[in-house]
Amino acid sequence: MKYTIDKKEQYVVFTPMEEKLDSLLAPVLKSELLTIHAEGFGNVVLDLSQVKYVDSSGLSALLVGDREFGRNGGIFVISGIQEHVMKLLKISMLDKKLNLVNTLEEAGEAIFMHEIDGGEDEEED
């Protein structure tokens, strides 16, 4: 998988440089997200601006990212979502579960607001 990583002060931007996030690439994404988490980064933006297709394996990778970074009070934000990918997220109702924004700027703002709120999720069980 080709990708870029941009380490900011409060978060990391991970950008897959692939058109598909499928069963071949999803395990790599999961592994990279877990590595970023293990390196001590609590907040991640996954920039999907280059990704035009996601299958169920790709959705699973998104859920792993959300779970891992949310577990310790961090946040996992997905930005740059293409139309086809957004349709799949809506059909699977993951648009209600995941932190989705349109731009990297909005992702940075979401992380900033999350940090101000002390890392608490909006939803309480």
N, C-alpha and C. Protein backbone atom coordinates (compact mmCIF):
# COMPACT_ATOMS: atom_id res chain seq x y z
N MET A 1 0.85 -1.18 0.00
CA MET A 1 0.00 0.00 0.00
C MET A 1 0.89 1.24 0.00
N LYS A 2 0.59 2.15 -0.90
CA LYS A 2 1.27 3.43 -0.92
C LYS A 2 0.48 4.38 -0.03
N TYR A 3 1.20 5.16 0.79
CA TYR A 3 0.53 6.10 1.68
C TYR A 3 1.50 7.19 2.12
N THR A 4 0.95 8.24 2.70
CA THR A 4 1.76 9.27 3.33
C THR A 4 1.32 9.39 4.78
N ILE A 5 2.26 9.78 5.62
CA ILE A 5 1.98 10.06 7.02
C ILE A 5 2.52 11.44 7.32
N ASP A 6 1.67 12.29 7.88
CA ASP A 6 2.05 13.65 8.25
C ASP A 6 1.81 13.79 9.75
N LYS A 7 2.89 13.83 10.52
CA LYS A 7 2.78 13.90 11.98
C LYS A 7 2.72 15.36 12.42
N LYS A 8 1.57 15.72 12.99
CA LYS A 8 1.35 17.06 13.52
C LYS A 8 1.59 17.01 15.03
N GLU A 9 1.41 18.15 15.69
CA GLU A 9 1.61 18.20 17.14
C GLU A 9 0.57 17.37 17.90
N GLN A 10 -0.71 17.49 17.51
CA GLN A 10 -1.78 16.83 18.24
C GLN A 10 -2.33 15.58 17.56
N TYR A 11 -1.91 15.34 16.33
CA TYR A 11 -2.48 14.21 15.59
C TYR A 11 -1.61 13.82 14.40
N VAL A 12 -1.96 12.69 13.82
CA VAL A 12 -1.28 12.18 12.62
C VAL A 12 -2.31 12.13 11.49
N VAL A 13 -1.90 12.57 10.30
CA VAL A 13 -2.74 12.42 9.11
C VAL A 13 -2.18 11.26 8.30
N PHE A 14 -3.00 10.23 8.11
CA PHE A 14 -2.63 9.06 7.32
C PHE A 14 -3.44 9.10 6.04
N THR A 15 -2.74 9.14 4.90
CA THR A 15 -3.40 9.25 3.60
C THR A 15 -3.03 8.07 2.70
N PRO A 16 -3.95 7.12 2.52
CA PRO A 16 -3.69 6.05 1.55
C PRO A 16 -3.66 6.64 0.14
N MET A 17 -2.64 6.31 -0.62
CA MET A 17 -2.51 6.80 -1.99
C MET A 17 -2.96 5.71 -2.96
N GLU A 18 -4.10 5.13 -2.66
CA GLU A 18 -4.66 4.03 -3.43
C GLU A 18 -6.11 4.35 -3.76
N GLU A 19 -6.62 3.82 -4.88
CA GLU A 19 -8.02 4.03 -5.24
C GLU A 19 -8.94 3.05 -4.54
N LYS A 20 -8.40 1.91 -4.12
CA LYS A 20 -9.24 0.88 -3.48
C LYS A 20 -8.72 0.57 -2.08
N LEU A 21 -9.67 0.41 -1.17
CA LEU A 21 -9.37 -0.08 0.17
C LEU A 21 -10.16 -1.38 0.31
N ASP A 22 -9.51 -2.46 -0.12
CA ASP A 22 -10.20 -3.75 -0.20
C ASP A 22 -9.49 -4.81 0.63
N SER A 23 -9.84 -6.06 0.41
CA SER A 23 -9.30 -7.16 1.22
C SER A 23 -7.79 -7.30 1.10
N LEU A 24 -7.20 -6.77 0.04
CA LEU A 24 -5.75 -6.82 -0.12
C LEU A 24 -5.05 -5.74 0.70
N LEU A 25 -5.67 -4.57 0.79
CA LEU A 25 -5.02 -3.44 1.44
C LEU A 25 -5.51 -3.15 2.86
N ALA A 26 -6.71 -3.60 3.20
CA ALA A 26 -7.26 -3.32 4.53
C ALA A 26 -6.37 -3.84 5.66
N PRO A 27 -5.80 -5.05 5.55
CA PRO A 27 -4.92 -5.51 6.63
C PRO A 27 -3.70 -4.61 6.83
N VAL A 28 -3.19 -4.05 5.74
CA VAL A 28 -2.06 -3.14 5.83
C VAL A 28 -2.48 -1.87 6.56
N LEU A 29 -3.66 -1.35 6.23
CA LEU A 29 -4.17 -0.16 6.90
C LEU A 29 -4.33 -0.43 8.40
N LYS A 30 -4.95 -1.54 8.75
CA LYS A 30 -5.12 -1.89 10.17
C LYS A 30 -3.76 -1.92 10.87
N SER A 31 -2.80 -2.58 10.26
CA SER A 31 -1.47 -2.69 10.84
C SER A 31 -0.82 -1.33 11.04
N GLU A 32 -0.92 -0.48 10.04
CA GLU A 32 -0.32 0.86 10.13
C GLU A 32 -1.00 1.69 11.22
N LEU A 33 -2.32 1.60 11.32
CA LEU A 33 -3.04 2.34 12.36
C LEU A 33 -2.63 1.85 13.74
N LEU A 34 -2.50 0.55 13.91
CA LEU A 34 -2.07 -0.01 15.20
C LEU A 34 -0.64 0.42 15.53
N THR A 35 0.21 0.51 14.53
CA THR A 35 1.59 0.97 14.74
C THR A 35 1.60 2.43 15.18
N ILE A 36 0.81 3.26 14.53
CA ILE A 36 0.72 4.68 14.91
C ILE A 36 0.25 4.79 16.35
N HIS A 37 -0.76 4.00 16.70
CA HIS A 37 -1.28 4.01 18.07
C HIS A 37 -0.20 3.56 19.06
N ALA A 38 0.53 2.51 18.72
CA ALA A 38 1.59 1.99 19.59
C ALA A 38 2.73 2.99 19.77
N GLU A 39 2.93 3.86 18.78
CA GLU A 39 3.97 4.88 18.88
C GLU A 39 3.57 6.02 19.81
N GLY A 40 2.34 5.97 20.32
CA GLY A 40 1.91 6.96 21.30
C GLY A 40 1.03 8.08 20.77
N PHE A 41 0.67 8.01 19.52
CA PHE A 41 -0.22 9.03 18.97
C PHE A 41 -1.66 8.68 19.33
N GLY A 42 -2.38 9.63 19.92
CA GLY A 42 -3.74 9.37 20.37
C GLY A 42 -4.82 9.75 19.38
N ASN A 43 -4.49 10.61 18.44
CA ASN A 43 -5.48 11.12 17.49
C ASN A 43 -4.99 10.91 16.06
N VAL A 44 -5.90 10.44 15.21
CA VAL A 44 -5.54 10.19 13.81
C VAL A 44 -6.63 10.71 12.88
N VAL A 45 -6.19 11.30 11.79
CA VAL A 45 -7.08 11.65 10.69
C VAL A 45 -6.74 10.69 9.55
N LEU A 46 -7.75 9.99 9.08
CA LEU A 46 -7.59 9.13 7.91
C LEU A 46 -8.15 9.89 6.72
N ASP A 47 -7.27 10.34 5.84
CA ASP A 47 -7.66 11.12 4.67
C ASP A 47 -7.94 10.16 3.51
N LEU A 48 -9.22 9.99 3.19
CA LEU A 48 -9.62 9.07 2.12
C LEU A 48 -9.84 9.78 0.79
N SER A 49 -9.24 10.93 0.60
CA SER A 49 -9.48 11.71 -0.62
C SER A 49 -9.06 10.99 -1.90
N GLN A 50 -8.13 10.04 -1.82
CA GLN A 50 -7.69 9.29 -3.00
C GLN A 50 -8.46 7.99 -3.19
N VAL A 51 -9.22 7.57 -2.16
CA VAL A 51 -9.88 6.27 -2.16
C VAL A 51 -11.27 6.38 -2.78
N LYS A 52 -11.51 5.62 -3.84
CA LYS A 52 -12.80 5.66 -4.54
C LYS A 52 -13.67 4.45 -4.27
N TYR A 53 -13.08 3.40 -3.69
CA TYR A 53 -13.82 2.15 -3.46
C TYR A 53 -13.38 1.53 -2.14
N VAL A 54 -14.36 1.11 -1.35
CA VAL A 54 -14.10 0.41 -0.09
C VAL A 54 -15.01 -0.80 -0.03
N ASP A 55 -14.46 -1.96 0.37
CA ASP A 55 -15.30 -3.14 0.56
C ASP A 55 -15.46 -3.40 2.06
N SER A 56 -16.04 -4.54 2.42
CA SER A 56 -16.31 -4.84 3.83
C SER A 56 -15.02 -4.93 4.65
N SER A 57 -13.94 -5.37 4.04
CA SER A 57 -12.65 -5.42 4.73
C SER A 57 -12.16 -4.01 5.05
N GLY A 58 -12.38 -3.11 4.11
CA GLY A 58 -12.01 -1.71 4.33
C GLY A 58 -12.83 -1.09 5.45
N LEU A 59 -14.14 -1.40 5.47
CA LEU A 59 -15.00 -0.90 6.55
C LEU A 59 -14.51 -1.43 7.90
N SER A 60 -14.10 -2.68 7.92
CA SER A 60 -13.57 -3.27 9.15
C SER A 60 -12.33 -2.52 9.63
N ALA A 61 -11.47 -2.13 8.71
CA ALA A 61 -10.27 -1.37 9.07
C ALA A 61 -10.65 -0.02 9.68
N LEU A 62 -11.69 0.61 9.14
CA LEU A 62 -12.15 1.89 9.70
C LEU A 62 -12.65 1.70 11.12
N LEU A 63 -13.37 0.63 11.36
CA LEU A 63 -13.88 0.36 12.71
C LEU A 63 -12.75 0.04 13.69
N VAL A 64 -11.72 -0.65 13.23
CA VAL A 64 -10.56 -0.91 14.08
C VAL A 64 -9.90 0.41 14.49
N GLY A 65 -9.72 1.30 13.53
CA GLY A 65 -9.15 2.61 13.84
C GLY A 65 -9.99 3.37 14.85
N ASP A 66 -11.29 3.39 14.63
CA ASP A 66 -12.19 4.09 15.55
C ASP A 66 -12.10 3.49 16.95
N ARG A 67 -12.11 2.19 17.05
CA ARG A 67 -12.05 1.52 18.35
C ARG A 67 -10.72 1.77 19.05
N GLU A 68 -9.62 1.59 18.35
CA GLU A 68 -8.30 1.70 18.97
C GLU A 68 -8.01 3.11 19.47
N PHE A 69 -8.32 4.11 18.66
CA PHE A 69 -8.00 5.47 19.08
C PHE A 69 -9.00 6.01 20.09
N GLY A 70 -10.23 5.54 20.03
CA GLY A 70 -11.24 5.96 21.01
C GLY A 70 -11.05 5.31 22.36
N ARG A 71 -10.42 4.16 22.38
CA ARG A 71 -10.24 3.37 23.60
C ARG A 71 -9.51 4.14 24.70
N ASN A 72 -8.54 4.93 24.35
CA ASN A 72 -7.73 5.65 25.34
C ASN A 72 -8.00 7.15 25.33
N GLY A 73 -9.20 7.53 24.92
CA GLY A 73 -9.57 8.94 24.95
C GLY A 73 -9.16 9.74 23.74
N GLY A 74 -8.62 9.08 22.73
CA GLY A 74 -8.26 9.77 21.50
C GLY A 74 -9.44 9.82 20.55
N ILE A 75 -9.18 10.27 19.34
CA ILE A 75 -10.24 10.37 18.34
C ILE A 75 -9.69 9.93 16.98
N PHE A 76 -10.54 9.28 16.22
CA PHE A 76 -10.23 8.82 14.87
C PHE A 76 -11.21 9.52 13.94
N VAL A 77 -10.69 10.38 13.08
CA VAL A 77 -11.52 11.19 12.19
C VAL A 77 -11.22 10.80 10.75
N ILE A 78 -12.27 10.67 9.95
CA ILE A 78 -12.12 10.32 8.54
C ILE A 78 -12.52 11.53 7.70
N SER A 79 -11.65 11.93 6.79
CA SER A 79 -11.93 13.10 5.95
C SER A 79 -11.80 12.73 4.47
N GLY A 80 -12.26 13.66 3.62
CA GLY A 80 -12.09 13.50 2.18
C GLY A 80 -12.82 12.32 1.57
N ILE A 81 -13.99 12.04 2.07
CA ILE A 81 -14.71 10.83 1.67
C ILE A 81 -15.37 11.02 0.30
N GLN A 82 -15.03 10.13 -0.63
CA GLN A 82 -15.61 10.17 -1.97
C GLN A 82 -17.07 9.71 -1.94
N GLU A 83 -17.83 10.09 -2.95
CA GLU A 83 -19.28 9.83 -3.00
C GLU A 83 -19.63 8.35 -2.84
N HIS A 84 -18.96 7.48 -3.59
CA HIS A 84 -19.27 6.04 -3.52
C HIS A 84 -19.00 5.49 -2.12
N VAL A 85 -17.90 5.93 -1.53
CA VAL A 85 -17.54 5.47 -0.18
C VAL A 85 -18.56 5.97 0.83
N MET A 86 -18.99 7.22 0.69
CA MET A 86 -19.99 7.78 1.61
C MET A 86 -21.31 7.02 1.50
N LYS A 87 -21.69 6.65 0.29
CA LYS A 87 -22.92 5.86 0.13
C LYS A 87 -22.84 4.55 0.90
N LEU A 88 -21.70 3.88 0.80
CA LEU A 88 -21.51 2.62 1.52
C LEU A 88 -21.54 2.84 3.04
N LEU A 89 -20.93 3.92 3.50
CA LEU A 89 -20.95 4.22 4.94
C LEU A 89 -22.38 4.47 5.42
N LYS A 90 -23.17 5.15 4.59
CA LYS A 90 -24.56 5.41 4.96
C LYS A 90 -25.40 4.14 4.95
N ILE A 91 -25.23 3.32 3.92
CA ILE A 91 -25.99 2.06 3.82
C ILE A 91 -25.69 1.17 5.03
N SER A 92 -24.44 1.14 5.43
CA SER A 92 -24.04 0.30 6.57
C SER A 92 -24.26 1.00 7.91
N MET A 93 -24.78 2.23 7.85
CA MET A 93 -25.07 3.06 9.02
C MET A 93 -23.82 3.42 9.83
N LEU A 94 -22.67 3.31 9.21
CA LEU A 94 -21.44 3.70 9.89
C LEU A 94 -21.25 5.21 9.91
N ASP A 95 -22.03 5.92 9.10
CA ASP A 95 -21.97 7.38 9.14
C ASP A 95 -22.45 7.90 10.50
N LYS A 96 -23.21 7.10 11.23
CA LYS A 96 -23.69 7.47 12.57
C LYS A 96 -22.65 7.13 13.64
N LYS A 97 -21.77 6.18 13.36
CA LYS A 97 -20.79 5.69 14.34
C LYS A 97 -19.44 6.38 14.23
N LEU A 98 -19.00 6.61 13.01
CA LEU A 98 -17.67 7.15 12.77
C LEU A 98 -17.68 8.68 12.76
N ASN A 99 -16.52 9.27 13.02
CA ASN A 99 -16.35 10.73 12.97
C ASN A 99 -15.97 11.10 11.54
N LEU A 100 -16.93 11.61 10.78
CA LEU A 100 -16.72 11.92 9.36
C LEU A 100 -16.77 13.42 9.15
N VAL A 101 -15.80 13.94 8.39
CA VAL A 101 -15.76 15.35 8.02
C VAL A 101 -15.38 15.45 6.55
N ASN A 102 -15.59 16.63 5.99
CA ASN A 102 -15.30 16.81 4.57
C ASN A 102 -13.83 17.10 4.26
N THR A 103 -13.19 17.91 5.11
CA THR A 103 -11.85 18.39 4.78
C THR A 103 -10.86 18.11 5.91
N LEU A 104 -9.58 18.21 5.59
CA LEU A 104 -8.54 18.08 6.62
C LEU A 104 -8.64 19.20 7.64
N GLU A 105 -9.02 20.38 7.19
CA GLU A 105 -9.19 21.50 8.12
C GLU A 105 -10.27 21.19 9.15
N GLU A 106 -11.40 20.65 8.69
CA GLU A 106 -12.47 20.26 9.60
C GLU A 106 -12.02 19.15 10.54
N ALA A 107 -11.19 18.26 10.05
CA ALA A 107 -10.67 17.18 10.89
C ALA A 107 -9.81 17.75 12.01
N GLY A 108 -8.96 18.71 11.67
CA GLY A 108 -8.14 19.37 12.69
C GLY A 108 -9.00 20.07 13.73
N GLU A 109 -10.07 20.71 13.28
CA GLU A 109 -10.99 21.38 14.21
C GLU A 109 -11.69 20.36 15.11
N ALA A 110 -12.09 19.21 14.55
CA ALA A 110 -12.75 18.17 15.34
C ALA A 110 -11.81 17.65 16.43
N ILE A 111 -10.54 17.49 16.09
CA ILE A 111 -9.57 17.03 17.08
C ILE A 111 -9.36 18.09 18.15
N PHE A 112 -9.25 19.34 17.74
CA PHE A 112 -9.10 20.44 18.69
C PHE A 112 -10.27 20.47 19.67
N MET A 113 -11.49 20.35 19.15
CA MET A 113 -12.67 20.36 20.02
C MET A 113 -12.68 19.13 20.93
N HIS A 114 -12.26 18.01 20.43
CA HIS A 114 -12.18 16.79 21.23
C HIS A 114 -11.19 16.97 22.39
N GLU A 115 -10.07 17.60 22.10
CA GLU A 115 -9.06 17.86 23.13
C GLU A 115 -9.60 18.83 24.19
N ILE A 116 -10.32 19.85 23.76
CA ILE A 116 -10.92 20.80 24.69
C ILE A 116 -11.92 20.11 25.61
N ASP A 117 -12.68 19.19 25.04
CA ASP A 117 -13.69 18.45 25.82
C ASP A 117 -13.05 17.38 26.71
N GLY A 118 -11.76 17.28 26.70
CA GLY A 118 -11.08 16.32 27.56
C GLY A 118 -11.09 14.91 27.04
N GLY A 119 -11.31 14.73 25.75
CA GLY A 119 -11.28 13.39 25.16
C GLY A 119 -12.50 12.56 25.41
N GLU A 120 -13.59 13.21 25.81
CA GLU A 120 -14.83 12.47 26.07
C GLU A 120 -15.65 12.37 24.80
N ASP A 121 -16.26 11.21 24.59
CA ASP A 121 -17.14 11.01 23.46
C ASP A 121 -18.42 11.79 23.68
N GLU A 122 -19.07 12.16 22.57
CA GLU A 122 -20.34 12.87 22.65
C GLU A 122 -21.43 11.97 23.20
N GLU A 123 -21.35 10.68 22.89
CA GLU A 123 -22.37 9.73 23.32
C GLU A 123 -21.93 9.04 24.59
N GLU A 124 -22.80 9.00 25.57
CA GLU A 124 -22.54 8.28 26.81
C GLU A 124 -23.41 7.05 26.84
N ASP A 125 -22.84 5.90 27.18
CA ASP A 125 -23.62 4.66 27.28
C ASP A 125 -24.33 4.60 28.60
